Amino acid sequence: MNSQLFPRAPLSRRRFLKNSALAAGTIAAQAAPLRARAAAPLKSVTFTLDWLYQGASVGFLVAKEKGYYRDAGLDVSISPGNGSATTAQLVASKATQIGFSDGYVVGNSIAKGMKIKTVGSIYRRDPAALMVLDDSPIKTPKDLEGKTVAMTAGSAQFQQWPAFAKGAGIDPSKIRIINIDPAGVGPALVSGKVDAIGGYVFSYAPSIEIRGKKKLRMFWFADYGVTVVSNGIIVHLDTLKSSPDILRGFVPATIKGFLYGRQHIDEAIATVKKYQPTANPEVTRLECELGWKTWVSPNTKGKPLGWASETDWAGTIEVLRQYGGVTAPLQTSQLYTNEFVPTGAQYVPPQQA
């Protein structure tokens, strides 16, 4: 454009100051909401894991360390747990606001009257398995007949065992089940006291394979028809009603934490080490890798991490009725909701373990 054709009017000092003041006021007005949000106090949230700080559940730790919770306006304190059942009780009694607990336990707890619900499913494929040493003559589940299997009585795996036996086509009456405390299950296999053990794969396999230097063969319950939703984020029904804003921040931030940890496993391992100084990095790595195998079930393929399938929850209820001793009527809507699960391709995990 030719400046001679459209000459600019001379800019007086008064006009310059006036325009500058107007511009500054506009910028200040636009920035005010941002400053207000930044200055807003964070909401304190108490969260309890199902177990110790470990690789399979590192997403929560990553979300805190990367500032995802802070960005959501939350100040989250993370405590280790003492089993899914204990965590469910803590949430039900409001001793902790949010927890991480097994879906089978959640269903059983709700049947007993606990007012809790899963708002984000992480282990959507049953992580339970029968494990034997790789050099064992037990090559198929049928080979377990006539052998001894160590499990912890009352555990979810113990209750699901009859469903696995049915799906695998084996006679459970021909297998001797030995009740062993969780801490003694792994050593019992390594020392040869039992032929096989039952439990969550990422709870036992990493220590046995890395520390015990014993390669394992696994028979995953999920591969033999046991459709059970495992660990997810749980809350009290009152929290769900009174503080949905907390859950709208907590659940997506957690999903981001898990996905980031998978993409940056060395950073995830270092994060576990920060919270659990005695953690073995090799063990943590395998915990992470085995945990990933539980993220996707056949009915949750292509869905964001956290999203749960009604079919999978219906399967959980069926196993509870047949083998868990649950007689109270249960509806899937009592057990879970996808209301707080984020949408978008960025929240969909890799579809292969």
Protein backbone atom coordinates (compact mmCIF):
# COMPACT_ATOMS: atom_id res chain seq x y z
CA MET A 1 0.00 0.00 0.00
CA ASN A 2 1.34 3.48 -0.92
CA SER A 3 1.75 5.60 2.22
CA GLN A 4 1.59 8.76 0.15
CA LEU A 5 -1.93 7.97 -0.98
CA PHE A 6 -3.08 7.34 2.61
CA PRO A 7 -0.98 9.62 4.80
CA ARG A 8 -1.09 8.91 8.56
CA ALA A 9 -2.31 11.61 10.89
CA PRO A 10 0.43 12.82 13.23
CA LEU A 11 0.33 11.00 16.59
CA SER A 12 0.26 13.41 19.49
CA ARG A 13 1.77 12.52 22.89
CA ARG A 14 -1.69 12.70 24.51
CA ARG A 15 -3.20 10.36 21.93
CA PHE A 16 -0.30 7.93 22.28
CA LEU A 17 -0.74 7.74 26.05
CA LYS A 18 -4.50 7.31 25.69
CA ASN A 19 -4.14 4.44 23.20
CA SER A 20 -1.49 2.78 25.35
CA ALA A 21 -3.73 2.94 28.40
CA LEU A 22 -6.64 1.43 26.49
CA ALA A 23 -4.47 -1.40 25.18
CA ALA A 24 -3.06 -2.11 28.62
CA GLY A 25 -6.56 -2.19 30.08
CA THR A 26 -7.72 -4.66 27.44
CA ILE A 27 -4.77 -6.98 28.07
CA ALA A 28 -5.28 -6.77 31.83
CA ALA A 29 -8.97 -7.63 31.46
CA GLN A 30 -8.13 -10.65 29.31
CA ALA A 31 -5.46 -11.86 31.72
CA ALA A 32 -7.56 -11.40 34.85
CA PRO A 33 -9.37 -14.77 34.63
CA LEU A 34 -6.04 -16.54 34.08
CA ARG A 35 -4.52 -14.87 37.13
CA ALA A 36 -7.61 -15.72 39.13
CA ARG A 37 -7.34 -19.38 38.17
CA ALA A 38 -3.65 -19.45 38.92
CA ALA A 39 -4.22 -17.85 42.31
CA ALA A 40 -7.08 -20.17 43.25
CA PRO A 41 -6.09 -22.55 46.08
CA LEU A 42 -5.67 -26.20 45.19
CA LYS A 43 -8.25 -28.63 46.51
CA SER A 44 -6.72 -31.18 48.86
CA VAL A 45 -7.46 -34.78 47.90
CA THR A 46 -6.51 -37.97 49.75
CA PHE A 47 -5.86 -41.04 47.63
CA THR A 48 -4.98 -44.58 48.70
CA LEU A 49 -3.46 -47.25 46.47
CA ASP A 50 -4.36 -50.92 46.69
CA TRP A 51 -0.81 -51.91 47.56
CA LEU A 52 2.73 -50.56 47.71
CA TYR A 53 4.26 -48.08 45.27
CA GLN A 54 5.08 -50.20 42.24
CA GLY A 55 5.32 -50.19 38.46
CA ALA A 56 1.83 -51.43 37.63
CA SER A 57 0.20 -48.48 39.43
CA VAL A 58 2.86 -45.86 38.67
CA GLY A 59 0.40 -43.70 36.70
CA PHE A 60 -0.80 -42.03 39.89
CA LEU A 61 2.73 -41.16 40.95
CA VAL A 62 3.56 -39.85 37.47
CA ALA A 63 0.42 -37.69 37.44
CA LYS A 64 1.54 -36.08 40.69
CA GLU A 65 5.18 -35.63 39.71
CA LYS A 66 4.38 -34.23 36.25
CA GLY A 67 1.95 -31.73 37.76
CA TYR A 68 -1.15 -33.15 36.06
CA TYR A 69 -3.10 -33.10 39.32
CA ARG A 70 -1.89 -29.59 40.08
CA ASP A 71 -2.95 -28.42 36.62
CA ALA A 72 -6.41 -29.83 37.41
CA GLY A 73 -6.54 -27.73 40.57
CA LEU A 74 -5.82 -30.62 42.92
CA ASP A 75 -3.26 -31.21 45.66
CA VAL A 76 -3.25 -35.02 45.84
CA SER A 77 -1.58 -36.96 48.64
CA ILE A 78 -0.88 -40.58 47.70
CA SER A 79 -0.67 -43.29 50.33
CA PRO A 80 0.26 -46.97 49.89
CA GLY A 81 -2.46 -49.53 50.57
CA ASN A 82 -2.85 -52.89 52.25
CA GLY A 83 -4.96 -54.75 49.73
CA SER A 84 -8.00 -53.87 47.62
CA ALA A 85 -10.46 -54.90 50.33
CA THR A 86 -8.87 -52.58 52.87
CA THR A 87 -8.81 -49.68 50.41
CA ALA A 88 -12.47 -50.25 49.57
CA GLN A 89 -13.29 -50.10 53.28
CA LEU A 90 -11.32 -46.86 53.67
CA VAL A 91 -13.28 -45.25 50.84
CA ALA A 92 -16.59 -46.58 52.14
CA SER A 93 -15.87 -45.13 55.59
CA LYS A 94 -14.65 -41.85 54.04
CA ALA A 95 -11.23 -42.28 55.65
CA THR A 96 -9.82 -41.54 52.18
CA GLN A 97 -11.57 -39.69 49.36
CA ILE A 98 -10.41 -41.77 46.42
CA GLY A 99 -8.97 -45.27 46.19
CA PHE A 100 -7.59 -47.88 43.79
CA SER A 101 -9.31 -51.23 44.18
CA ASP A 102 -10.08 -54.47 42.37
CA GLY A 103 -13.45 -54.54 40.58
CA TYR A 104 -14.24 -58.00 41.90
CA VAL A 105 -13.70 -56.69 45.44
CA VAL A 106 -15.76 -53.59 44.65
CA GLY A 107 -18.67 -55.73 43.45
CA ASN A 108 -18.48 -57.91 46.54
CA SER A 109 -18.29 -54.83 48.77
CA ILE A 110 -21.29 -53.16 47.13
CA ALA A 111 -23.26 -56.39 47.57
CA LYS A 112 -22.52 -56.08 51.29
CA GLY A 113 -23.87 -52.54 51.40
CA MET A 114 -20.81 -50.36 50.84
CA LYS A 115 -21.64 -47.12 49.02
CA ILE A 116 -18.77 -47.04 46.54
CA LYS A 117 -18.40 -47.01 42.76
CA THR A 118 -15.64 -47.33 40.16
CA VAL A 119 -15.18 -44.13 38.11
CA GLY A 120 -12.22 -45.18 35.98
CA SER A 121 -11.04 -48.72 35.13
CA ILE A 122 -7.31 -49.28 34.61
CA TYR A 123 -6.78 -53.05 34.77
CA ARG A 124 -9.65 -53.92 32.46
CA ARG A 125 -8.36 -57.45 31.76
CA ASP A 126 -8.10 -59.85 34.69
CA PRO A 127 -4.45 -59.81 35.89
CA ALA A 128 -4.79 -63.12 37.77
CA ALA A 129 -2.96 -66.23 36.60
CA LEU A 130 -1.60 -69.60 37.62
CA MET A 131 2.21 -69.45 37.43
CA VAL A 132 4.71 -72.29 37.19
CA LEU A 133 8.47 -72.38 36.68
CA ASP A 134 9.42 -72.46 33.02
CA ASP A 135 11.31 -75.74 33.45
CA SER A 136 8.27 -77.35 35.08
CA PRO A 137 6.63 -80.37 33.40
CA ILE A 138 3.34 -78.43 33.69
CA LYS A 139 2.84 -77.25 30.12
CA THR A 140 -0.95 -76.82 30.12
CA PRO A 141 -3.57 -76.21 32.84
CA LYS A 142 -4.60 -79.89 32.56
CA ASP A 143 -1.13 -80.82 33.83
CA LEU A 144 -1.99 -79.13 37.14
CA GLU A 145 -4.09 -82.14 38.13
CA GLY A 146 -2.33 -84.10 40.84
CA LYS A 147 -0.19 -81.09 41.75
CA THR A 148 -0.13 -78.50 44.56
CA VAL A 149 -1.03 -74.82 44.06
CA ALA A 150 -0.37 -72.06 46.58
CA MET A 151 -2.85 -69.21 46.92
CA THR A 152 -3.99 -66.87 49.67
CA ALA A 153 -7.40 -67.87 51.01
CA GLY A 154 -9.99 -65.14 50.58
CA SER A 155 -8.08 -63.40 47.81
CA ALA A 156 -9.83 -62.50 44.56
CA GLN A 157 -7.73 -65.12 42.76
CA PHE A 158 -8.76 -67.79 45.26
CA GLN A 159 -12.44 -66.96 44.70
CA GLN A 160 -12.01 -66.90 40.91
CA TRP A 161 -10.11 -70.19 40.86
CA PRO A 162 -13.23 -72.36 40.25
CA ALA A 163 -14.11 -70.20 37.22
CA PHE A 164 -10.60 -70.69 35.83
CA ALA A 165 -10.79 -74.45 36.44
CA LYS A 166 -14.08 -74.63 34.57
CA GLY A 167 -12.79 -72.57 31.66
CA ALA A 168 -9.58 -74.59 31.45
CA GLY A 169 -11.44 -77.90 31.59
CA ILE A 170 -9.66 -79.25 34.65
CA ASP A 171 -10.96 -81.08 37.71
CA PRO A 172 -10.31 -78.88 40.77
CA SER A 173 -10.85 -81.82 43.11
CA LYS A 174 -7.63 -83.33 41.74
CA ILE A 175 -5.58 -80.27 42.68
CA ARG A 176 -4.42 -79.54 46.20
CA ILE A 177 -4.76 -75.85 47.15
CA ILE A 178 -2.43 -74.68 49.92
CA ASN A 179 -3.23 -71.47 51.77
CA ILE A 180 -0.12 -69.29 52.13
CA ASP A 181 0.28 -65.70 53.26
CA PRO A 182 0.91 -63.33 50.30
CA ALA A 183 4.54 -62.77 51.30
CA GLY A 184 5.21 -66.51 51.22
CA VAL A 185 3.55 -67.39 47.92
CA GLY A 186 6.50 -66.54 45.66
CA PRO A 187 9.17 -68.18 47.84
CA ALA A 188 7.07 -71.35 48.03
CA LEU A 189 7.30 -71.73 44.25
CA VAL A 190 10.98 -70.85 43.98
CA SER A 191 11.93 -73.26 46.78
CA GLY A 192 9.91 -76.09 45.23
CA LYS A 193 7.44 -76.44 48.09
CA VAL A 194 4.55 -76.13 45.61
CA ASP A 195 4.17 -76.80 41.91
CA ALA A 196 2.30 -73.61 41.04
CA ILE A 197 1.00 -70.39 42.54
CA GLY A 198 -2.05 -68.26 41.90
CA GLY A 199 -2.15 -64.47 42.04
CA TYR A 200 -1.76 -61.23 40.16
CA VAL A 201 1.04 -61.72 37.66
CA PHE A 202 2.67 -58.34 38.28
CA SER A 203 2.60 -58.93 42.04
CA TYR A 204 4.74 -62.10 41.90
CA ALA A 205 6.40 -62.62 38.52
CA PRO A 206 8.79 -59.62 38.62
CA SER A 207 10.37 -60.61 41.94
CA ILE A 208 10.57 -64.30 41.02
CA GLU A 209 12.08 -63.68 37.59
CA ILE A 210 14.41 -60.81 38.49
CA ARG A 211 15.40 -61.50 42.10
CA GLY A 212 14.87 -65.26 42.07
CA LYS A 213 16.24 -65.61 38.51
CA LYS A 214 13.52 -68.12 37.68
CA LYS A 215 11.66 -67.82 34.38
CA LEU A 216 7.90 -68.37 34.65
CA ARG A 217 5.14 -69.77 32.50
CA MET A 218 1.75 -68.13 33.06
CA PHE A 219 -1.81 -69.32 32.53
CA TRP A 220 -3.82 -66.10 32.59
CA PHE A 221 -7.36 -66.46 33.94
CA ALA A 222 -8.59 -64.12 31.21
CA ASP A 223 -7.37 -66.57 28.55
CA TYR A 224 -9.63 -69.24 30.00
CA GLY A 225 -12.95 -67.45 30.05
CA VAL A 226 -12.74 -65.49 33.30
CA THR A 227 -14.18 -62.08 32.45
CA VAL A 228 -13.55 -59.92 35.48
CA VAL A 229 -12.80 -56.21 35.72
CA SER A 230 -9.86 -55.60 38.01
CA ASN A 231 -8.45 -52.41 39.52
CA GLY A 232 -9.96 -49.01 39.02
CA ILE A 233 -10.42 -45.63 40.66
CA ILE A 234 -13.15 -45.81 43.30
CA VAL A 235 -15.04 -43.20 45.31
CA HIS A 236 -17.85 -42.98 47.83
CA LEU A 237 -21.26 -42.23 46.33
CA ASP A 238 -21.44 -39.05 48.41
CA THR A 239 -18.19 -37.81 46.85
CA LEU A 240 -19.51 -38.60 43.41
CA LYS A 241 -22.56 -36.43 44.10
CA SER A 242 -20.99 -33.61 46.10
CA SER A 243 -17.62 -33.22 44.39
CA PRO A 244 -17.89 -34.22 40.72
CA ASP A 245 -15.49 -31.40 39.85
CA ILE A 246 -12.73 -33.22 41.74
CA LEU A 247 -13.35 -36.38 39.74
CA ARG A 248 -13.44 -34.46 36.44
CA GLY A 249 -9.94 -33.34 37.28
CA PHE A 250 -8.57 -36.45 38.96
CA VAL A 251 -9.61 -39.13 36.46
CA PRO A 252 -8.26 -37.51 33.24
CA ALA A 253 -5.05 -36.45 35.03
CA THR A 254 -4.54 -40.03 36.19
CA ILE A 255 -5.09 -41.43 32.69
CA LYS A 256 -2.50 -38.96 31.38
CA GLY A 257 -0.12 -40.19 34.07
CA PHE A 258 -0.47 -43.84 33.06
CA LEU A 259 -0.07 -43.12 29.35
CA TYR A 260 2.95 -40.85 29.93
CA GLY A 261 4.55 -43.51 32.10
CA ARG A 262 4.18 -46.06 29.32
CA GLN A 263 5.79 -43.73 26.80
CA HIS A 264 8.62 -42.81 29.20
CA ILE A 265 9.28 -46.00 31.16
CA ASP A 266 12.71 -44.93 32.47
CA GLU A 267 11.12 -41.84 33.98
CA ALA A 268 8.32 -43.97 35.43
CA ILE A 269 10.88 -46.32 37.01
CA ALA A 270 12.70 -43.37 38.55
CA THR A 271 9.40 -42.08 39.93
CA VAL A 272 8.70 -45.38 41.72
CA LYS A 273 12.23 -45.27 43.10
CA LYS A 274 11.55 -41.80 44.51
CA TYR A 275 8.55 -43.08 46.46
CA GLN A 276 9.97 -46.53 47.22
CA PRO A 277 13.77 -46.16 47.62
CA THR A 278 14.27 -49.93 47.98
CA ALA A 279 12.57 -50.65 44.63
CA ASN A 280 14.64 -52.66 42.15
CA PRO A 281 14.57 -50.88 38.74
CA GLU A 282 14.48 -54.19 36.83
CA VAL A 283 11.58 -55.43 38.94
CA THR A 284 9.74 -52.13 38.45
CA ARG A 285 10.24 -52.33 34.67
CA LEU A 286 8.68 -55.78 34.52
CA GLU A 287 5.84 -54.67 36.81
CA CYS A 288 5.08 -51.90 34.32
CA GLU A 289 5.25 -54.20 31.30
CA LEU A 290 3.00 -56.84 32.88
CA GLY A 291 0.60 -54.13 34.03
CA TRP A 292 0.19 -52.96 30.44
CA LYS A 293 -1.12 -56.41 29.52
CA THR A 294 -4.20 -55.71 31.65
CA TRP A 295 -5.14 -52.37 30.08
CA VAL A 296 -7.22 -53.69 27.19
CA SER A 297 -9.89 -56.39 27.20
CA PRO A 298 -11.65 -57.66 24.06
CA ASN A 299 -14.63 -55.45 24.93
CA THR A 300 -12.60 -52.25 25.53
CA LYS A 301 -10.49 -52.23 22.36
CA GLY A 302 -10.17 -48.75 20.86
CA LYS A 303 -11.61 -47.09 23.97
CA PRO A 304 -9.82 -44.60 26.24
CA LEU A 305 -8.03 -46.02 29.25
CA GLY A 306 -10.48 -45.78 32.13
CA TRP A 307 -13.52 -46.59 29.98
CA ALA A 308 -15.30 -49.75 31.14
CA SER A 309 -17.46 -52.22 29.24
CA GLU A 310 -20.88 -53.15 30.57
CA THR A 311 -20.30 -56.67 29.24
CA ASP A 312 -17.12 -56.99 31.30
CA TRP A 313 -18.87 -55.76 34.44
CA ALA A 314 -21.76 -58.14 33.79
CA GLY A 315 -19.18 -60.95 33.61
CA THR A 316 -17.77 -59.80 36.94
CA ILE A 317 -21.20 -60.00 38.53
CA GLU A 318 -21.72 -63.48 37.08
CA VAL A 319 -18.43 -64.75 38.56
CA LEU A 320 -19.35 -63.19 41.90
CA ARG A 321 -22.70 -64.97 41.88
CA GLN A 322 -21.35 -68.36 40.82
CA TYR A 323 -18.14 -68.49 42.80
CA GLY A 324 -17.96 -65.51 45.19
CA GLY A 325 -20.99 -66.36 47.27
CA VAL A 326 -22.83 -63.15 46.34
CA THR A 327 -26.59 -63.54 46.50
CA ALA A 328 -27.67 -59.89 46.65
CA PRO A 329 -29.02 -58.53 43.38
CA LEU A 330 -26.45 -56.41 41.56
CA GLN A 331 -26.80 -54.18 38.51
CA THR A 332 -23.82 -53.04 36.44
CA SER A 333 -24.92 -49.42 36.94
CA GLN A 334 -24.25 -49.84 40.68
CA LEU A 335 -20.64 -50.81 40.09
CA TYR A 336 -19.24 -48.29 37.62
CA THR A 337 -19.68 -45.15 35.55
CA ASN A 338 -17.83 -43.78 32.52
CA GLU A 339 -19.03 -40.24 33.22
CA PHE A 340 -15.61 -38.94 34.22
CA VAL A 341 -13.48 -40.82 31.69
CA PRO A 342 -11.90 -38.44 29.13
CA THR A 343 -12.57 -38.86 25.43
CA GLY A 344 -10.22 -38.40 22.50
CA ALA A 345 -7.60 -40.42 20.66
CA GLN A 346 -4.85 -39.15 22.97
CA TYR A 347 -6.36 -41.15 25.82
CA VAL A 348 -6.54 -44.47 23.94
CA PRO A 349 -3.70 -46.79 25.01
CA PRO A 350 -1.70 -49.02 22.67
CA GLN A 351 -3.85 -51.98 21.77
CA GLN A 352 -1.09 -54.56 22.10
CA ALA A 353 0.76 -55.32 25.31
